[in-house]
């Protein structure tokens, strides 16, 4: 591989990773922002602020009585392996937790406790974690209504409440009665059925939309390594995640067929999947109830971020409409999601190389079936991937070593034909052809493996299978190493690898760049999940041993050849 090709490959890798970590934009969503001039669009989509009927009147209750005004009651919910609460003051499901799963550890790296200002006992994994919370106590999930979702929610009346069913009743603007029923699905630990019935008891059509929404108090800005739940939706079968939230943007329509919507982090999700594709997805911020605290580091009134499913078809006077949803709350484990609905597997985002990542995830699971430990499964996965590319890597290292041996002759040709570049290139190609080597022979195999490495990066960064799994001294392979042992070892091994790699065909500037690359990547390893660092450690170690073996056998072959030639 010539100097320019090597430089381009290295710089491309650094630029790609730097962009992914620091500059990757949030998913682009085509939307029509709702402003003061968009009242017509707003009314058609069902979230208009104008409370008038289609004929301009302000008709009140016709044929339906509002729920009686009584003091709000707090109801505890325990359905399908999850717990939540609901206040009859607004009917919103909140404080949704998964008691069978522990929350993520609060990692406290060793370096953060080396300063003089820090006192007390060092706890690498923080205090014992509580349970996983997908919707906070300040959220409002699986709310059903009509009209403007930004308006305060009215009270609900509990129609039926048992261990398996909860039905509530709300009246929107004295006209539309909304019955919402949450029903457990027998034998399924993660699934609920949500049935919403809207009844227009007015004398004119309801044209302001019918909706079901999920919103919560979220910090607008997180990194790709954070596991805080974020608003998500499946649009035309593709996952949209709103990572970087605009705290001032009103709800806006998203183009495309609506699929599942709700909240999800790296490893868990609470979503609703509509049975039909009649609705649209709206995403954005809505005002938080009065008294809601503003997230730390932000200013101004608090906002709730989220998504809602909207059916904007008019509801005729006296007509009813029913929408059925499957609710899922649990881990984003592919087999579990597929058992609920095959479409939900799209909630697992394995990046743009998912067609490679999915087979690798399957392979990782098979390794676990053999090993019984996810850390050992990662080691087996390294061996399998290494074996798959062994011969290709072998040829790459041999080609690099051969190019190293030819460097004296290459330099002689460069010096002899320095005034005739065309003749110099012809002589160089003739030399390479004579010895059966290629300047790109050591580069192409590496390029062929890059898609596999990137896919493995996505798998090991996103697989819930590694969540709260222990290996050696590590308590959670999905979290960084708080002791900083594994990233420090990997960085050291990568430095050592540079000293056994042939560098004679590199100019001094490129050689210096190769020397500092382990430091550049090593700094990133301290924020990687420890399961990923273990993979990199074993892979680098095996590559280093393979290089040493090839270097040794290459010199032995050269010595034998010299001895044979002297006889």
Protein backbone atom coordinates (compact mmCIF):
# COMPACT_ATOMS: atom_id res chain seq x y z
CA UNK A 1 0.00 0.00 0.00
CA UNK A 2 1.54 3.34 -1.01
CA UNK A 3 1.88 6.28 1.35
CA UNK A 4 -1.06 8.25 -0.01
CA UNK A 5 -3.43 5.29 0.20
CA UNK A 6 -2.41 4.56 3.80
CA UNK A 7 -2.79 8.20 4.80
CA UNK A 8 -6.24 8.36 3.17
CA UNK A 9 -7.43 5.20 4.95
CA UNK A 10 -6.23 6.41 8.37
CA UNK A 11 -7.65 9.91 7.97
CA UNK A 12 -10.96 8.53 6.68
CA UNK A 13 -11.31 6.33 9.77
CA UNK A 14 -10.52 9.21 12.11
CA UNK A 15 -12.88 11.60 10.34
CA UNK A 16 -15.67 8.98 10.24
CA UNK A 17 -15.45 8.18 13.93
CA UNK A 18 -15.04 11.81 14.97
CA UNK A 19 -18.12 12.74 12.98
CA UNK A 20 -20.13 9.87 14.51
CA UNK A 21 -19.18 10.87 18.06
CA UNK A 22 -19.26 14.65 17.90
CA UNK A 23 -21.11 15.89 14.83
CA UNK A 24 -23.72 13.32 13.78
CA UNK A 25 -26.95 15.29 13.31
CA UNK A 26 -30.24 14.09 14.73
CA UNK A 27 -32.44 12.16 12.29
CA UNK A 28 -33.87 14.42 9.63
CA UNK A 29 -37.64 14.49 9.65
CA UNK A 30 -39.71 16.28 7.07
CA UNK A 31 -42.23 18.25 9.06
CA UNK A 32 -44.44 21.31 8.91
CA UNK A 33 -43.75 23.38 12.00
CA UNK A 34 -46.82 24.83 13.63
CA UNK A 35 -46.69 28.58 13.87
CA UNK A 36 -49.17 31.41 14.05
CA UNK A 37 -49.60 31.35 10.27
CA UNK A 38 -50.31 27.59 10.15
CA UNK A 39 -53.78 27.61 11.71
CA UNK A 40 -55.33 25.89 8.70
CA UNK A 41 -52.82 23.04 8.72
CA UNK A 42 -53.17 22.85 12.49
CA UNK A 43 -56.92 22.46 12.33
CA UNK A 44 -56.78 19.82 9.60
CA UNK A 45 -54.24 17.74 11.53
CA UNK A 46 -56.18 17.75 14.77
CA UNK A 47 -53.99 19.86 17.04
CA UNK A 48 -55.37 23.31 16.31
CA UNK A 49 -55.54 25.94 19.02
CA UNK A 50 -58.85 27.27 17.68
CA UNK A 51 -61.60 25.66 19.77
CA UNK A 52 -64.46 26.49 17.43
CA UNK A 53 -66.58 23.98 15.52
CA UNK A 54 -66.44 23.72 11.75
CA UNK A 55 -69.42 26.06 11.45
CA UNK A 56 -67.81 28.71 13.67
CA UNK A 57 -69.99 28.06 16.69
CA UNK A 58 -68.78 27.24 20.18
CA UNK A 59 -71.25 24.45 20.86
CA UNK A 60 -71.06 22.95 24.33
CA UNK A 61 -72.12 19.55 25.63
CA UNK A 62 -74.75 17.84 23.51
CA UNK A 63 -75.89 14.41 24.60
CA UNK A 64 -72.92 13.66 26.87
CA UNK A 65 -72.22 14.52 30.45
CA UNK A 66 -68.75 15.45 31.63
CA UNK A 67 -67.20 13.32 34.39
CA UNK A 68 -68.18 14.58 37.81
CA UNK A 69 -65.72 17.04 39.34
CA UNK A 70 -64.26 15.23 42.33
CA UNK A 71 -60.92 15.25 44.08
CA UNK A 72 -58.28 13.50 41.95
CA UNK A 73 -57.41 9.96 43.01
CA UNK A 74 -54.10 8.18 42.53
CA UNK A 75 -54.33 4.67 41.11
CA UNK A 76 -51.49 2.14 41.11
CA UNK A 77 -51.15 -0.06 38.04
CA UNK A 78 -49.45 -3.45 37.87
CA UNK A 79 -50.02 -4.96 34.44
CA UNK A 80 -47.92 -7.27 32.28
CA UNK A 81 -44.76 -7.13 34.38
CA UNK A 82 -44.71 -3.36 34.69
CA UNK A 83 -45.83 -0.92 37.34
CA UNK A 84 -47.17 2.58 36.82
CA UNK A 85 -49.52 5.10 38.36
CA UNK A 86 -52.39 7.18 37.07
CA UNK A 87 -54.12 10.20 38.52
CA UNK A 88 -57.79 10.72 37.73
CA UNK A 89 -56.86 14.40 37.50
CA UNK A 90 -55.55 13.91 33.94
CA UNK A 91 -55.64 10.17 33.23
CA UNK A 92 -51.99 10.04 32.17
CA UNK A 93 -49.97 6.89 32.79
CA UNK A 94 -46.73 7.87 34.50
CA UNK A 95 -43.91 6.49 36.64
CA UNK A 96 -43.82 3.47 34.34
CA UNK A 97 -41.20 1.05 35.64
CA UNK A 98 -40.03 -2.51 34.99
CA UNK A 99 -39.55 -4.13 38.43
CA UNK A 100 -37.89 -7.18 36.88
CA UNK A 101 -35.00 -5.10 35.50
CA UNK A 102 -32.40 -2.98 37.28
CA UNK A 103 -31.59 0.53 36.11
CA UNK A 104 -28.18 1.29 34.71
CA UNK A 105 -25.29 1.74 37.12
CA UNK A 106 -24.08 5.21 37.96
CA UNK A 107 -20.48 4.65 36.86
CA UNK A 108 -17.86 6.58 38.85
CA UNK A 109 -14.51 6.28 37.00
CA UNK A 110 -11.36 6.02 39.05
CA UNK A 111 -9.88 9.20 37.63
CA UNK A 112 -12.84 11.27 38.88
CA UNK A 113 -11.98 10.32 42.48
CA UNK A 114 -8.28 11.16 42.41
CA UNK A 115 -8.71 14.87 43.13
CA UNK A 116 -8.20 16.34 46.57
CA UNK A 117 -11.72 17.76 46.62
CA UNK A 118 -13.33 14.31 46.51
CA UNK A 119 -13.95 12.65 49.84
CA UNK A 120 -15.63 9.47 51.00
CA UNK A 121 -15.42 5.87 49.85
CA UNK A 122 -15.02 5.27 46.14
CA UNK A 123 -17.92 3.27 44.65
CA UNK A 124 -17.01 2.31 41.08
CA UNK A 125 -20.60 1.30 40.30
CA UNK A 126 -22.27 3.89 42.50
CA UNK A 127 -25.18 3.10 44.79
CA UNK A 128 -27.30 0.00 44.11
CA UNK A 129 -29.46 0.82 41.09
CA UNK A 130 -33.24 0.96 41.31
CA UNK A 131 -35.62 -0.37 38.71
CA UNK A 132 -35.72 0.66 35.06
CA UNK A 133 -37.99 3.69 34.55
CA UNK A 134 -39.27 4.33 31.03
CA UNK A 135 -41.74 7.12 31.86
CA UNK A 136 -40.99 9.45 34.74
CA UNK A 137 -43.36 10.63 37.43
CA UNK A 138 -43.70 13.88 35.45
CA UNK A 139 -44.61 12.16 32.17
CA UNK A 140 -47.96 11.56 30.51
CA UNK A 141 -48.03 8.32 28.54
CA UNK A 142 -50.75 6.65 26.46
CA UNK A 143 -53.12 9.57 26.94
CA UNK A 144 -56.14 9.63 24.61
CA UNK A 145 -57.95 12.78 23.61
CA UNK A 146 -58.98 15.10 20.82
CA UNK A 147 -58.26 18.63 19.65
CA UNK A 148 -55.15 20.43 20.84
CA UNK A 149 -52.77 18.13 22.72
CA UNK A 150 -50.98 21.19 24.07
CA UNK A 151 -53.96 22.16 26.21
CA UNK A 152 -54.11 20.96 29.84
CA UNK A 153 -55.75 17.56 30.18
CA UNK A 154 -59.12 17.36 31.86
CA UNK A 155 -60.10 14.84 34.53
CA UNK A 156 -61.09 11.26 33.80
CA UNK A 157 -63.66 9.00 35.36
CA UNK A 158 -62.72 5.42 36.18
CA UNK A 159 -65.30 3.17 34.56
CA UNK A 160 -63.70 -0.19 35.40
CA UNK A 161 -60.61 -1.14 37.36
CA UNK A 162 -59.44 -4.69 38.04
CA UNK A 163 -56.23 -6.71 37.96
CA UNK A 164 -56.48 -7.13 34.19
CA UNK A 165 -58.51 -4.15 32.89
CA UNK A 166 -58.55 -0.40 33.43
CA UNK A 167 -61.13 1.73 31.61
CA UNK A 168 -61.34 5.51 31.92
CA UNK A 169 -63.70 8.09 30.44
CA UNK A 170 -62.91 11.66 29.41
CA UNK A 171 -64.99 14.32 27.66
CA UNK A 172 -63.23 16.72 25.29
CA UNK A 173 -64.77 20.20 25.12
CA UNK A 174 -68.11 18.83 26.21
CA UNK A 175 -68.59 17.10 22.86
CA UNK A 176 -66.37 14.07 22.29
CA UNK A 177 -66.45 11.23 24.78
CA UNK A 178 -63.21 9.24 24.97
CA UNK A 179 -63.16 5.73 26.46
CA UNK A 180 -59.67 4.30 26.98
CA UNK A 181 -59.25 0.65 27.97
CA UNK A 182 -55.94 -0.93 29.02
CA UNK A 183 -56.16 -4.71 29.01
CA UNK A 184 -53.49 -7.28 29.86
CA UNK A 185 -52.76 -9.91 27.24
CA UNK A 186 -52.89 -13.32 29.00
CA UNK A 187 -49.56 -15.13 29.13
CA UNK A 188 -47.51 -12.23 27.73
CA UNK A 189 -45.19 -10.48 30.22
CA UNK A 190 -44.54 -7.39 28.09
CA UNK A 191 -47.73 -6.69 26.16
CA UNK A 192 -50.93 -4.75 26.79
CA UNK A 193 -53.86 -3.99 24.54
CA UNK A 194 -55.03 -0.40 24.34
CA UNK A 195 -58.49 0.25 22.90
CA UNK A 196 -59.64 3.85 22.45
CA UNK A 197 -63.22 4.73 21.46
CA UNK A 198 -64.22 8.25 20.47
CA UNK A 199 -67.94 9.19 20.40
CA UNK A 200 -69.06 12.46 18.86
CA UNK A 201 -72.27 13.42 20.64
CA UNK A 202 -72.42 16.84 19.03
CA UNK A 203 -74.55 17.99 16.11
CA UNK A 204 -71.67 18.90 13.80
CA UNK A 205 -68.62 16.91 12.58
CA UNK A 206 -65.53 16.92 14.76
CA UNK A 207 -62.64 18.06 12.54
CA UNK A 208 -59.91 18.77 15.06
CA UNK A 209 -58.33 15.34 15.24
CA UNK A 210 -58.31 12.37 17.59
CA UNK A 211 -55.02 11.39 19.20
CA UNK A 212 -53.03 9.15 21.55
CA UNK A 213 -49.79 10.60 22.90
CA UNK A 214 -46.65 9.83 24.91
CA UNK A 215 -44.69 12.74 26.41
CA UNK A 216 -42.18 13.12 29.21
CA UNK A 217 -39.83 15.60 30.82
CA UNK A 218 -36.50 15.00 29.04
CA UNK A 219 -33.23 16.84 28.82
CA UNK A 220 -33.01 18.11 25.23
CA UNK A 221 -29.37 17.13 24.63
CA UNK A 222 -27.73 13.72 25.16
CA UNK A 223 -24.80 11.89 23.61
CA UNK A 224 -24.98 8.67 21.64
CA UNK A 225 -23.72 6.76 24.71
CA UNK A 226 -26.52 7.95 27.02
CA UNK A 227 -29.35 5.51 27.69
CA UNK A 228 -31.98 8.06 28.73
CA UNK A 229 -35.31 7.33 26.99
CA UNK A 230 -35.96 9.46 23.92
CA UNK A 231 -39.06 9.95 21.73
CA UNK A 232 -39.12 7.41 18.91
CA UNK A 233 -41.44 6.36 16.09
CA UNK A 234 -41.44 3.88 13.25
CA UNK A 235 -42.11 5.84 10.05
CA UNK A 236 -42.59 3.77 6.89
CA UNK A 237 -40.95 0.90 8.78
CA UNK A 238 -37.82 2.91 9.65
CA UNK A 239 -36.87 4.03 13.15
CA UNK A 240 -36.82 7.77 13.85
CA UNK A 241 -35.21 8.83 17.13
CA UNK A 242 -35.29 12.40 18.39
CA UNK A 243 -31.97 12.59 20.26
CA UNK A 244 -31.31 16.31 20.08
CA UNK A 245 -34.60 17.93 21.05
CA UNK A 246 -35.68 21.49 20.32
CA UNK A 247 -37.18 22.75 23.54
CA UNK A 248 -39.22 25.44 21.80
CA UNK A 249 -40.52 23.63 18.70
CA UNK A 250 -44.28 22.98 18.76
CA UNK A 251 -45.60 19.62 17.56
CA UNK A 252 -45.05 19.04 13.85
CA UNK A 253 -46.34 16.38 11.48
CA UNK A 254 -43.95 13.70 10.25
CA UNK A 255 -44.37 12.48 6.68
CA UNK A 256 -44.89 8.75 6.26
CA UNK A 257 -47.01 5.89 7.52
CA UNK A 258 -47.24 5.75 11.31
CA UNK A 259 -45.92 2.69 13.11
CA UNK A 260 -44.93 2.21 16.74
CA UNK A 261 -44.39 5.36 18.80
CA UNK A 262 -43.35 6.14 22.36
CA UNK A 263 -40.15 6.27 24.42
CA UNK A 264 -37.05 4.12 24.10
CA UNK A 265 -33.43 4.06 25.21
CA UNK A 266 -30.57 1.83 24.11
CA UNK A 267 -31.96 -1.21 25.88
CA UNK A 268 -35.63 -0.70 26.87
CA UNK A 269 -38.76 0.73 25.28
CA UNK A 270 -42.36 1.68 26.08
CA UNK A 271 -44.25 2.03 22.81
CA UNK A 272 -47.70 1.75 21.25
CA UNK A 273 -48.17 -0.03 17.92
CA UNK A 274 -51.40 0.91 16.07
CA UNK A 275 -53.34 -1.92 14.44
CA UNK A 276 -54.10 0.22 11.37
CA UNK A 277 -52.16 2.78 9.35
CA UNK A 278 -54.87 5.46 9.33
CA UNK A 279 -53.01 7.87 11.63
CA UNK A 280 -50.02 10.15 11.38
CA UNK A 281 -47.18 10.83 13.80
CA UNK A 282 -46.65 14.27 15.31
CA UNK A 283 -43.49 15.08 17.27
CA UNK A 284 -42.45 18.05 19.35
CA UNK A 285 -42.66 19.81 22.71
CA UNK A 286 -45.77 20.70 24.66
CA UNK A 287 -46.11 22.84 27.81
CA UNK A 288 -45.49 20.99 31.06
CA UNK A 289 -48.02 21.26 33.88
CA UNK A 290 -47.59 24.24 36.14
CA UNK A 291 -44.97 23.64 38.79
CA UNK A 292 -42.93 21.15 36.72
CA UNK A 293 -39.21 21.76 37.42
CA UNK A 294 -36.99 22.81 34.53
CA UNK A 295 -34.21 20.26 33.77
CA UNK A 296 -30.80 21.21 35.14
CA UNK A 297 -28.80 23.41 32.81
CA UNK A 298 -31.84 24.83 31.00
CA UNK A 299 -33.77 28.04 31.38
CA UNK A 300 -37.39 28.98 30.91
CA UNK A 301 -40.56 26.99 31.53
CA UNK A 302 -40.34 23.22 31.42
CA UNK A 303 -41.55 21.39 28.32
CA UNK A 304 -42.64 17.80 27.77
CA UNK A 305 -41.14 16.15 24.70
CA UNK A 306 -42.70 13.27 22.86
CA UNK A 307 -44.82 11.96 20.02
CA UNK A 308 -48.48 11.38 19.36
CA UNK A 309 -50.56 9.36 16.92
CA UNK A 310 -53.23 11.53 15.26
CA UNK A 311 -56.26 10.48 13.22
CA UNK A 312 -57.30 13.70 11.47
CA UNK A 313 -60.27 12.30 9.52
CA UNK A 314 -63.50 14.13 10.51
CA UNK A 315 -65.75 12.34 12.99
CA UNK A 316 -69.37 12.82 11.92
CA UNK A 317 -72.02 13.93 14.38
CA UNK A 318 -73.28 10.94 16.33
CA UNK A 319 -70.53 8.69 14.96
CA UNK A 320 -68.04 6.50 16.80
CA UNK A 321 -64.46 5.58 15.98
CA UNK A 322 -62.25 2.92 17.54
CA UNK A 323 -58.48 2.52 17.43
CA UNK A 324 -56.65 -0.53 18.77
CA UNK A 325 -53.01 -0.48 19.84
CA UNK A 326 -50.54 -3.04 21.14
CA UNK A 327 -48.51 -1.64 24.03
CA UNK A 328 -45.04 -3.00 24.70
CA UNK A 329 -42.91 -2.18 27.73
CA UNK A 330 -39.73 -4.14 28.21
CA UNK A 331 -36.21 -4.90 26.96
CA UNK A 332 -35.32 -4.37 23.30
CA UNK A 333 -34.37 -8.00 22.86
CA UNK A 334 -34.93 -9.20 19.31
CA UNK A 335 -36.69 -12.47 20.17
CA UNK A 336 -38.98 -10.76 22.69
CA UNK A 337 -39.89 -7.99 20.26
CA UNK A 338 -40.55 -10.44 17.43
CA UNK A 339 -42.85 -12.48 19.69
CA UNK A 340 -44.99 -9.36 20.28
CA UNK A 341 -44.91 -8.12 16.69
CA UNK A 342 -42.28 -8.63 14.01
CA UNK A 343 -42.36 -4.92 13.16
CA UNK A 344 -41.07 -4.05 16.64
CA UNK A 345 -37.65 -5.54 15.86
CA UNK A 346 -37.03 -2.28 13.99
CA UNK A 347 -36.73 -0.63 17.41
CA UNK A 348 -33.23 -2.12 17.59
CA UNK A 349 -31.02 0.24 15.63
CA UNK A 350 -27.86 -1.46 14.39
CA UNK A 351 -26.79 1.32 12.06
CA UNK A 352 -26.38 1.55 8.32
CA UNK A 353 -24.65 -1.84 8.20
CA UNK A 354 -27.54 -3.65 9.87
CA UNK A 355 -27.57 -6.29 7.12
CA UNK A 356 -24.19 -7.39 8.48
CA UNK A 357 -24.88 -6.57 12.13
CA UNK A 358 -27.97 -8.78 12.45
CA UNK A 359 -26.12 -11.98 11.48
CA UNK A 360 -23.32 -11.01 13.87
CA UNK A 361 -25.84 -10.52 16.69
CA UNK A 362 -27.28 -13.94 15.93
CA UNK A 363 -23.75 -15.38 16.00
CA UNK A 364 -23.09 -13.71 19.37
CA UNK A 365 -26.22 -15.35 20.78
CA UNK A 366 -25.08 -18.75 19.52
CA UNK A 367 -21.74 -18.22 21.23
CA UNK A 368 -23.59 -17.47 24.46
CA UNK A 369 -25.55 -20.71 24.13
CA UNK A 370 -22.22 -22.53 24.09
CA UNK A 371 -20.36 -20.49 26.71
CA UNK A 372 -23.12 -19.55 29.15
CA UNK A 373 -21.42 -16.18 29.79
CA UNK A 374 -21.60 -13.10 27.58
CA UNK A 375 -17.97 -12.16 28.21
CA UNK A 376 -16.80 -15.58 27.05
CA UNK A 377 -19.27 -15.32 24.16
CA UNK A 378 -17.49 -12.16 23.02
CA UNK A 379 -14.17 -14.02 23.11
CA UNK A 380 -15.65 -16.81 20.98
CA UNK A 381 -17.05 -14.24 18.57
CA UNK A 382 -13.57 -12.72 18.16
CA UNK A 383 -12.14 -16.13 17.34
CA UNK A 384 -14.88 -16.85 14.79
CA UNK A 385 -14.51 -13.51 13.03
CA UNK A 386 -10.71 -13.81 13.15
CA UNK A 387 -10.95 -17.28 11.64
CA UNK A 388 -13.25 -16.03 8.91
CA UNK A 389 -10.70 -13.43 7.81
CA UNK A 390 -7.56 -15.32 8.80
CA UNK A 391 -6.33 -16.19 5.33
CA UNK A 392 -7.12 -12.72 4.00
CA UNK A 393 -5.28 -11.11 6.90
CA UNK A 394 -2.41 -13.53 6.47
CA UNK A 395 -1.95 -12.46 2.88
CA UNK A 396 -2.13 -8.80 3.89
CA UNK A 397 0.61 -9.17 6.50
CA UNK A 398 2.76 -11.24 4.13
CA UNK A 399 2.38 -8.62 1.41
CA UNK A 400 3.34 -5.88 3.86
CA UNK A 401 6.37 -7.86 4.97
CA UNK A 402 7.40 -8.49 1.37
CA UNK A 403 7.11 -4.79 0.60
CA UNK A 404 9.34 -4.15 3.59
CA UNK A 405 11.99 -6.47 2.20
CA UNK A 406 11.87 -4.74 -1.18
CA UNK A 407 12.39 -1.25 0.25
CA UNK A 408 16.13 -1.06 -0.52
CA UNK A 409 15.45 -1.88 -4.17
CA UNK A 410 12.50 0.56 -4.23
CA UNK A 411 14.71 3.36 -2.91
CA UNK A 412 17.40 2.52 -5.49
CA UNK A 413 14.84 2.82 -8.31
CA UNK A 414 13.48 6.08 -6.88
CA UNK A 415 16.97 7.54 -6.73
CA UNK A 416 17.98 6.29 -10.17
CA UNK A 417 14.86 7.55 -11.96
CA UNK A 418 14.01 10.56 -9.84
CA UNK A 419 14.09 12.80 -12.93
CA UNK A 420 11.86 10.45 -14.96
CA UNK A 421 8.65 9.65 -12.98
CA UNK A 422 7.15 7.62 -15.82
CA UNK A 423 10.19 5.35 -16.09
CA UNK A 424 10.36 5.10 -12.31
CA UNK A 425 6.76 3.85 -12.13
CA UNK A 426 7.41 1.28 -14.85
CA UNK A 427 10.44 -0.05 -12.99
CA UNK A 428 8.51 -0.18 -9.71
CA UNK A 429 5.64 -2.15 -11.24
CA UNK A 430 8.11 -4.50 -12.87
CA UNK A 431 9.78 -5.08 -9.49
CA UNK A 432 6.47 -5.80 -7.76
CA UNK A 433 5.38 -8.13 -10.53
CA UNK A 434 8.68 -10.02 -10.43
CA UNK A 435 8.28 -10.71 -6.70
CA UNK A 436 4.51 -11.26 -6.79
CA UNK A 437 3.54 -8.44 -4.45
CA UNK A 438 1.11 -5.55 -4.75
CA UNK A 439 1.39 -2.08 -3.16
CA UNK A 440 -2.26 -2.38 -2.13
CA UNK A 441 -2.03 -6.03 -1.09
CA UNK A 442 -1.87 -5.12 2.59
CA UNK A 443 -4.63 -2.55 2.31
CA UNK A 444 -7.51 -4.29 0.51
CA UNK A 445 -8.03 -7.05 3.11
CA UNK A 446 -8.25 -4.41 5.82
CA UNK A 447 -10.81 -2.45 3.79
CA UNK A 448 -12.82 -5.64 3.29
CA UNK A 449 -13.01 -6.15 7.08
CA UNK A 450 -14.01 -2.59 7.94
CA UNK A 451 -17.78 -3.15 7.39
CA UNK A 452 -17.60 -6.08 9.80
CA UNK A 453 -15.80 -3.99 12.41
CA UNK A 454 -18.32 -1.15 12.13
CA UNK A 455 -21.23 -3.61 12.33
CA UNK A 456 -19.72 -5.25 15.42
CA UNK A 457 -19.33 -1.81 16.96
CA UNK A 458 -23.10 -1.24 16.56
CA UNK A 459 -23.96 -4.68 17.93
CA UNK A 460 -21.79 -4.43 21.03
CA UNK A 461 -22.88 -0.85 21.68
CA UNK A 462 -26.63 -1.59 21.41
CA UNK A 463 -27.22 -5.22 22.39
CA UNK A 464 -29.36 -5.47 25.52
CA UNK A 465 -27.93 -8.97 25.95
CA UNK A 466 -24.83 -7.34 27.48
CA UNK A 467 -26.88 -5.21 29.89
CA UNK A 468 -25.98 -5.98 33.54
CA UNK A 469 -23.89 -8.99 32.54
CA UNK A 470 -20.72 -9.73 34.51
CA UNK A 471 -17.32 -10.90 33.31
CA UNK A 472 -14.19 -11.17 35.46
CA UNK A 473 -14.03 -7.97 37.56
CA UNK A 474 -16.62 -6.12 35.44
CA UNK A 475 -20.22 -5.87 36.68
CA UNK A 476 -21.81 -4.56 33.47
CA UNK A 477 -20.45 -5.15 29.98
CA UNK A 478 -22.73 -2.44 28.59
CA UNK A 479 -21.00 0.21 30.75
CA UNK A 480 -17.46 1.68 30.61
CA UNK A 481 -14.79 0.10 32.78
CA UNK A 482 -14.78 2.22 35.98
CA UNK A 483 -11.34 0.90 36.91
CA UNK A 484 -9.98 1.94 33.48
CA UNK A 485 -7.97 -1.30 33.34
CA UNK A 486 -9.18 -2.74 30.02
CA UNK A 487 -8.91 0.50 27.96
CA UNK A 488 -5.42 1.15 29.37
CA UNK A 489 -4.31 -2.38 28.41
CA UNK A 490 -5.76 -2.04 24.90
CA UNK A 491 -4.00 1.29 24.41
CA UNK A 492 -0.70 -0.26 25.54
CA UNK A 493 -1.10 -3.25 23.22
CA UNK A 494 -1.88 -0.96 20.28
CA UNK A 495 1.31 0.98 21.03
CA UNK A 496 3.23 -2.30 21.06
CA UNK A 497 1.66 -3.33 17.78
CA UNK A 498 3.06 -0.23 16.10
CA UNK A 499 6.63 -1.34 16.86
CA UNK A 500 6.28 -4.66 15.05
CA UNK A 501 4.54 -3.22 11.99
CA UNK A 502 6.80 -2.53 8.98
CA UNK A 503 7.21 1.23 8.58
CA UNK A 504 10.12 1.44 6.17
CA UNK A 505 7.75 2.26 3.30
CA UNK A 506 6.33 5.21 5.25
CA UNK A 507 7.77 8.68 5.30
CA UNK A 508 8.67 10.13 8.75
CA UNK A 509 5.43 12.13 9.04
CA UNK A 510 3.28 9.06 8.37
CA UNK A 511 5.34 6.98 10.78
CA UNK A 512 4.78 9.55 13.55
CA UNK A 513 1.06 9.57 12.80
CA UNK A 514 0.96 5.78 13.11
CA UNK A 515 2.69 6.08 16.48
CA UNK A 516 0.09 8.48 17.95
CA UNK A 517 -2.94 6.62 16.59
CA UNK A 518 -3.14 4.30 19.66
CA UNK A 519 -3.31 7.36 21.89
CA UNK A 520 -6.10 8.91 19.81
CA UNK A 521 -8.20 5.74 19.86
CA UNK A 522 -7.17 4.90 23.42
CA UNK A 523 -8.80 8.07 24.75
CA UNK A 524 -12.06 7.00 23.09
CA UNK A 525 -11.90 3.51 24.61
CA UNK A 526 -12.44 4.96 28.10
CA UNK A 527 -16.02 5.87 27.13
CA UNK A 528 -16.76 2.63 25.23
CA UNK A 529 -18.86 -0.16 26.79
CA UNK A 530 -16.46 -2.60 28.42
CA UNK A 531 -17.82 -5.47 26.28
CA UNK A 532 -16.68 -3.61 23.19
CA UNK A 533 -13.27 -2.88 24.72
CA UNK A 534 -12.84 -6.59 25.51
CA UNK A 535 -13.54 -7.41 21.86
CA UNK A 536 -10.99 -4.82 20.68
CA UNK A 537 -8.44 -6.09 23.22
CA UNK A 538 -8.63 -9.74 22.12
CA UNK A 539 -8.80 -8.84 18.42
CA UNK A 540 -5.73 -6.58 18.71
CA UNK A 541 -3.82 -9.17 20.70
CA UNK A 542 -4.52 -11.90 18.13
CA UNK A 543 -3.53 -9.57 15.29
CA UNK A 544 -0.31 -8.77 17.07
CA UNK A 545 0.53 -12.47 17.56
CA UNK A 546 -0.30 -13.14 13.92
CA UNK A 547 2.03 -10.36 12.82
CA UNK A 548 4.86 -11.72 14.98
CA UNK A 549 4.33 -15.21 13.57
CA UNK A 550 4.39 -13.97 9.97
CA UNK A 551 7.45 -11.83 10.63
CA UNK A 552 9.27 -14.81 12.13
CA UNK A 553 8.31 -17.24 9.35
CA UNK A 554 9.18 -14.65 6.69
CA UNK A 555 12.70 -14.28 8.06
CA UNK A 556 13.08 -18.07 8.34
CA UNK A 557 12.07 -18.46 4.70
CA UNK A 558 14.57 -15.77 3.72
CA UNK A 559 17.34 -17.49 5.69
CA UNK A 560 16.56 -20.87 4.11
CA UNK A 561 16.57 -19.29 0.67
CA UNK A 562 19.96 -17.71 1.30
CA UNK A 563 21.37 -21.01 2.56
CA UNK A 564 20.02 -22.87 -0.46
CA UNK A 565 21.42 -20.32 -2.83
CA UNK A 566 24.88 -20.61 -1.31
CA UNK A 567 25.16 -24.37 -1.83
